[in-house]
Amino acid sequence: KSALTRLSNQNLAEVDPEPWVEFLLHSHPALSKRIRRAENFSKEAS
């Protein structure tokens, strides 16, 4: 999670792009979705 947060803070990737931009142009989920999944994973692992 911290690596994804650092990446978004450095403005190297858009955190929450428009859904159509994410669908058409991105090969991975948006950073906001990946950060949320990492948070959920860490809660479940605890």
N, C-alpha and C. Protein backbone atom coordinates (compact mmCIF):
# COMPACT_ATOMS: atom_id res chain seq x y z
N LYS A 1 0.82 -1.19 0.00
CA LYS A 1 0.00 0.00 0.00
C LYS A 1 0.87 1.26 0.00
N SER A 2 1.92 1.28 0.78
CA SER A 2 2.74 2.49 0.89
C SER A 2 3.41 2.84 -0.43
N ALA A 3 3.80 1.83 -1.20
CA ALA A 3 4.41 2.10 -2.50
C ALA A 3 3.40 2.74 -3.44
N LEU A 4 2.17 2.28 -3.40
CA LEU A 4 1.13 2.86 -4.25
C LEU A 4 0.82 4.29 -3.83
N THR A 5 0.81 4.54 -2.54
CA THR A 5 0.56 5.88 -2.05
C THR A 5 1.69 6.83 -2.44
N ARG A 6 2.94 6.36 -2.33
CA ARG A 6 4.07 7.20 -2.74
C ARG A 6 3.99 7.51 -4.23
N LEU A 7 3.62 6.53 -5.03
CA LEU A 7 3.50 6.73 -6.47
C LEU A 7 2.45 7.80 -6.77
N SER A 8 1.32 7.74 -6.11
CA SER A 8 0.28 8.74 -6.35
C SER A 8 0.71 10.12 -5.86
N ASN A 9 1.45 10.18 -4.76
CA ASN A 9 1.92 11.46 -4.24
C ASN A 9 2.95 12.11 -5.15
N GLN A 10 3.70 11.31 -5.88
CA GLN A 10 4.69 11.84 -6.81
C GLN A 10 4.07 12.23 -8.14
N ASN A 11 2.75 12.05 -8.27
CA ASN A 11 2.02 12.39 -9.49
C ASN A 11 2.52 11.64 -10.71
N LEU A 12 2.97 10.43 -10.52
CA LEU A 12 3.41 9.62 -11.65
C LEU A 12 2.24 8.85 -12.26
N ALA A 13 1.14 8.84 -11.56
CA ALA A 13 -0.05 8.15 -12.07
C ALA A 13 -1.29 8.85 -11.52
N GLU A 14 -2.33 8.86 -12.31
CA GLU A 14 -3.58 9.46 -11.88
C GLU A 14 -4.25 8.52 -10.89
N VAL A 15 -4.66 9.04 -9.75
CA VAL A 15 -5.22 8.21 -8.69
C VAL A 15 -6.60 7.69 -9.05
N ASP A 16 -7.44 8.54 -9.58
CA ASP A 16 -8.83 8.15 -9.85
C ASP A 16 -9.27 8.67 -11.22
N PRO A 17 -8.86 7.99 -12.29
CA PRO A 17 -9.24 8.45 -13.63
C PRO A 17 -10.72 8.20 -13.91
N GLU A 18 -11.22 8.84 -14.93
CA GLU A 18 -12.59 8.59 -15.37
C GLU A 18 -12.71 7.11 -15.73
N PRO A 19 -13.87 6.50 -15.50
CA PRO A 19 -14.04 5.07 -15.81
C PRO A 19 -13.72 4.72 -17.26
N TRP A 20 -14.10 5.57 -18.19
CA TRP A 20 -13.85 5.24 -19.61
C TRP A 20 -12.36 5.31 -19.92
N VAL A 21 -11.64 6.23 -19.26
CA VAL A 21 -10.19 6.34 -19.47
C VAL A 21 -9.51 5.08 -18.92
N GLU A 22 -9.93 4.67 -17.75
CA GLU A 22 -9.36 3.46 -17.15
C GLU A 22 -9.62 2.25 -18.04
N PHE A 23 -10.82 2.14 -18.55
CA PHE A 23 -11.19 0.99 -19.39
C PHE A 23 -10.41 0.97 -20.70
N LEU A 24 -10.33 2.12 -21.35
CA LEU A 24 -9.72 2.16 -22.68
C LEU A 24 -8.19 2.25 -22.67
N LEU A 25 -7.63 2.93 -21.70
CA LEU A 25 -6.21 3.26 -21.76
C LEU A 25 -5.32 2.57 -20.73
N HIS A 26 -5.91 2.04 -19.68
CA HIS A 26 -5.09 1.48 -18.61
C HIS A 26 -5.07 -0.04 -18.66
N SER A 27 -3.94 -0.61 -18.33
CA SER A 27 -3.82 -2.07 -18.30
C SER A 27 -4.02 -2.63 -16.89
N HIS A 28 -4.11 -1.73 -15.89
CA HIS A 28 -4.29 -2.13 -14.50
C HIS A 28 -5.40 -1.27 -13.90
N PRO A 29 -5.98 -1.72 -12.78
CA PRO A 29 -6.99 -0.89 -12.10
C PRO A 29 -6.39 0.44 -11.65
N ALA A 30 -7.25 1.41 -11.44
CA ALA A 30 -6.82 2.72 -10.96
C ALA A 30 -6.13 2.59 -9.61
N LEU A 31 -5.24 3.54 -9.31
CA LEU A 31 -4.52 3.51 -8.03
C LEU A 31 -5.48 3.52 -6.85
N SER A 32 -6.55 4.28 -6.95
CA SER A 32 -7.50 4.33 -5.83
C SER A 32 -8.08 2.95 -5.55
N LYS A 33 -8.36 2.18 -6.60
CA LYS A 33 -8.90 0.83 -6.41
C LYS A 33 -7.84 -0.10 -5.83
N ARG A 34 -6.60 0.03 -6.30
CA ARG A 34 -5.53 -0.84 -5.80
C ARG A 34 -5.22 -0.53 -4.34
N ILE A 35 -5.23 0.75 -3.97
CA ILE A 35 -4.99 1.14 -2.57
C ILE A 35 -6.11 0.60 -1.68
N ARG A 36 -7.35 0.74 -2.13
CA ARG A 36 -8.50 0.24 -1.37
C ARG A 36 -8.40 -1.28 -1.18
N ARG A 37 -8.00 -2.00 -2.23
CA ARG A 37 -7.86 -3.46 -2.13
C ARG A 37 -6.74 -3.83 -1.16
N ALA A 38 -5.65 -3.08 -1.18
CA ALA A 38 -4.55 -3.35 -0.25
C ALA A 38 -4.99 -3.12 1.19
N GLU A 39 -5.77 -2.07 1.42
CA GLU A 39 -6.28 -1.81 2.77
C GLU A 39 -7.20 -2.92 3.22
N ASN A 40 -8.10 -3.36 2.34
CA ASN A 40 -9.02 -4.45 2.68
C ASN A 40 -8.25 -5.74 2.95
N PHE A 41 -7.23 -6.00 2.15
CA PHE A 41 -6.43 -7.21 2.33
C PHE A 41 -5.73 -7.20 3.69
N SER A 42 -5.16 -6.05 4.05
CA SER A 42 -4.45 -5.98 5.33
C SER A 42 -5.41 -6.12 6.51
N LYS A 43 -6.64 -5.61 6.37
CA LYS A 43 -7.64 -5.78 7.44
C LYS A 43 -8.03 -7.24 7.58
N GLU A 44 -8.21 -7.93 6.45
CA GLU A 44 -8.61 -9.34 6.49
C GLU A 44 -7.48 -10.22 7.01
N ALA A 45 -6.24 -9.84 6.74
CA ALA A 45 -5.10 -10.64 7.17
C ALA A 45 -4.83 -10.50 8.67
N SER A 46 -5.34 -9.43 9.26
CA SER A 46 -5.10 -9.18 10.70
C SER A 46 -5.94 -10.08 11.58
